[in-house]
Amino acid sequence: MITIEICIGSACYVKGSNQAVTILQTLLKDKQWEDKVEIKGSFCMQSCQGGHGLGIKINGRQMLGVGLHNIQEVVEEEVLALLS
């Protein structure tokens, strides 16, 4: 099972983490990955404080530079690599 953690702290929430969850839920449904990938909320990853975008980890690996503009592409690429 691949785990995606998304920061739901106040700063990331303001930057759209709630929208990111919706985007990823749609992606998982469209790709039929619901039984292979789970999405979890997480508290502060300090990603936004460092200017690295939304706080998101995939299987514990911090993803940098992720925002609403590219979250779908970044996650899709990473999940595909992990599934292969």
C-alpha atoms as a PDB file:
ATOM      1  CA  MET A   1       0.000   0.000   0.000  1.00  0.00           C
ATOM      2  CA  ILE A   2       1.350   3.394  -1.017  1.00  0.00           C
ATOM      3  CA  THR A   3       0.702   6.135   1.522  1.00  0.00           C
ATOM      4  CA  ILE A   4       0.300   9.787   0.597  1.00  0.00           C
ATOM      5  CA  GLU A   5       0.385  12.209   3.510  1.00  0.00           C
ATOM      6  CA  ILE A   6      -0.873  15.746   3.018  1.00  0.00           C
ATOM      7  CA  CYS A   7      -0.336  18.479   5.575  1.00  0.00           C
ATOM      8  CA  ILE A   8      -3.602  19.838   6.921  1.00  0.00           C
ATOM      9  CA  GLY A   9      -1.960  22.466   9.095  1.00  0.00           C
ATOM     10  CA  SER A  10      -3.220  26.036   8.873  1.00  0.00           C
ATOM     11  CA  ALA A  11      -0.579  27.378   6.462  1.00  0.00           C
ATOM     12  CA  CYS A  12      -0.950  24.491   4.003  1.00  0.00           C
ATOM     13  CA  TYR A  13      -4.723  24.641   4.344  1.00  0.00           C
ATOM     14  CA  VAL A  14      -4.610  28.273   3.248  1.00  0.00           C
ATOM     15  CA  LYS A  15      -2.388  27.236   0.324  1.00  0.00           C
ATOM     16  CA  GLY A  16      -4.989  24.687  -0.790  1.00  0.00           C
ATOM     17  CA  SER A  17      -4.258  21.373   0.908  1.00  0.00           C
ATOM     18  CA  ASN A  18      -7.993  20.682   1.140  1.00  0.00           C
ATOM     19  CA  GLN A  19      -8.241  21.121  -2.654  1.00  0.00           C
ATOM     20  CA  ALA A  20      -5.179  18.894  -3.043  1.00  0.00           C
ATOM     21  CA  VAL A  21      -6.988  16.097  -1.204  1.00  0.00           C
ATOM     22  CA  THR A  22      -9.948  16.412  -3.575  1.00  0.00           C
ATOM     23  CA  ILE A  23      -7.651  16.371  -6.621  1.00  0.00           C
ATOM     24  CA  LEU A  24      -5.902  13.237  -5.377  1.00  0.00           C
ATOM     25  CA  GLN A  25      -9.134  11.442  -4.481  1.00  0.00           C
ATOM     26  CA  THR A  26     -10.304  12.027  -8.047  1.00  0.00           C
ATOM     27  CA  LEU A  27      -6.956  10.812  -9.430  1.00  0.00           C
ATOM     28  CA  LEU A  28      -7.119   7.599  -7.383  1.00  0.00           C
ATOM     29  CA  LYS A  29     -10.653   6.933  -8.554  1.00  0.00           C
ATOM     30  CA  ASP A  30      -9.849   7.673 -12.224  1.00  0.00           C
ATOM     31  CA  LYS A  31      -6.758   5.426 -12.174  1.00  0.00           C
ATOM     32  CA  GLN A  32      -8.513   2.749 -10.078  1.00  0.00           C
ATOM     33  CA  TRP A  33      -5.795   2.966  -7.434  1.00  0.00           C
ATOM     34  CA  GLU A  34      -8.117   3.133  -4.406  1.00  0.00           C
ATOM     35  CA  ASP A  35      -6.979  -0.320  -3.236  1.00  0.00           C
ATOM     36  CA  LYS A  36      -3.292   0.493  -3.792  1.00  0.00           C
ATOM     37  CA  VAL A  37      -2.943   4.058  -2.488  1.00  0.00           C
ATOM     38  CA  GLU A  38      -4.231   5.693   0.674  1.00  0.00           C
ATOM     39  CA  ILE A  39      -4.398   9.393   1.495  1.00  0.00           C
ATOM     40  CA  LYS A  40      -3.824  10.538   5.059  1.00  0.00           C
ATOM     41  CA  GLY A  41      -3.874  13.925   6.702  1.00  0.00           C
ATOM     42  CA  SER A  42      -0.782  15.011   8.572  1.00  0.00           C
ATOM     43  CA  PHE A  43       0.171  17.895  10.749  1.00  0.00           C
ATOM     44  CA  CYS A  44       2.958  20.340   9.954  1.00  0.00           C
ATOM     45  CA  MET A  45       5.797  19.019   7.811  1.00  0.00           C
ATOM     46  CA  GLN A  46       7.456  22.473   7.778  1.00  0.00           C
ATOM     47  CA  SER A  47       7.434  22.341   3.993  1.00  0.00           C
ATOM     48  CA  CYS A  48       5.652  25.655   3.546  1.00  0.00           C
ATOM     49  CA  GLN A  49       7.978  27.372   6.034  1.00  0.00           C
ATOM     50  CA  GLY A  50      10.927  26.478   3.855  1.00  0.00           C
ATOM     51  CA  GLY A  51       9.167  27.723   0.726  1.00  0.00           C
ATOM     52  CA  HIS A  52       8.879  24.201  -0.673  1.00  0.00           C
ATOM     53  CA  GLY A  53       5.150  24.277  -1.430  1.00  0.00           C
ATOM     54  CA  LEU A  54       2.460  22.111   0.095  1.00  0.00           C
ATOM     55  CA  GLY A  55       3.473  19.552   2.678  1.00  0.00           C
ATOM     56  CA  ILE A  56       3.196  16.175   0.958  1.00  0.00           C
ATOM     57  CA  LYS A  57       4.981  12.891   1.518  1.00  0.00           C
ATOM     58  CA  ILE A  58       4.712   9.710  -0.505  1.00  0.00           C
ATOM     59  CA  ASN A  59       5.776   6.610   1.420  1.00  0.00           C
ATOM     60  CA  GLY A  60       7.582   8.911   3.849  1.00  0.00           C
ATOM     61  CA  ARG A  61       9.525  10.787   1.168  1.00  0.00           C
ATOM     62  CA  GLN A  62       8.993  14.558   1.263  1.00  0.00           C
ATOM     63  CA  MET A  63       8.015  15.953  -2.122  1.00  0.00           C
ATOM     64  CA  LEU A  64       9.324  19.457  -2.791  1.00  0.00           C
ATOM     65  CA  GLY A  65       7.870  22.128  -5.036  1.00  0.00           C
ATOM     66  CA  VAL A  66       4.371  20.662  -5.043  1.00  0.00           C
ATOM     67  CA  GLY A  67       1.408  22.998  -5.385  1.00  0.00           C
ATOM     68  CA  LEU A  68      -2.088  22.853  -6.775  1.00  0.00           C
ATOM     69  CA  HIS A  69      -0.666  23.563 -10.235  1.00  0.00           C
ATOM     70  CA  ASN A  70       1.318  20.303 -10.373  1.00  0.00           C
ATOM     71  CA  ILE A  71       0.166  17.958  -7.604  1.00  0.00           C
ATOM     72  CA  GLN A  72      -1.672  15.598  -9.935  1.00  0.00           C
ATOM     73  CA  GLU A  73       1.305  15.177 -12.273  1.00  0.00           C
ATOM     74  CA  VAL A  74       3.849  14.782  -9.438  1.00  0.00           C
ATOM     75  CA  VAL A  75       1.776  12.210  -7.570  1.00  0.00           C
ATOM     76  CA  GLU A  76       0.834  10.281 -10.700  1.00  0.00           C
ATOM     77  CA  GLU A  77       4.478  10.010 -11.773  1.00  0.00           C
ATOM     78  CA  GLU A  78       5.623   8.952  -8.298  1.00  0.00           C
ATOM     79  CA  VAL A  79       2.852   6.383  -7.830  1.00  0.00           C
ATOM     80  CA  LEU A  80       3.444   4.875 -11.264  1.00  0.00           C
ATOM     81  CA  ALA A  81       7.117   4.463 -10.417  1.00  0.00           C
ATOM     82  CA  LEU A  82       6.269   2.803  -7.102  1.00  0.00           C
ATOM     83  CA  LEU A  83       3.744   0.449  -8.701  1.00  0.00           C
ATOM     84  CA  SER A  84       6.154  -0.744 -11.367  1.00  0.00           C
END
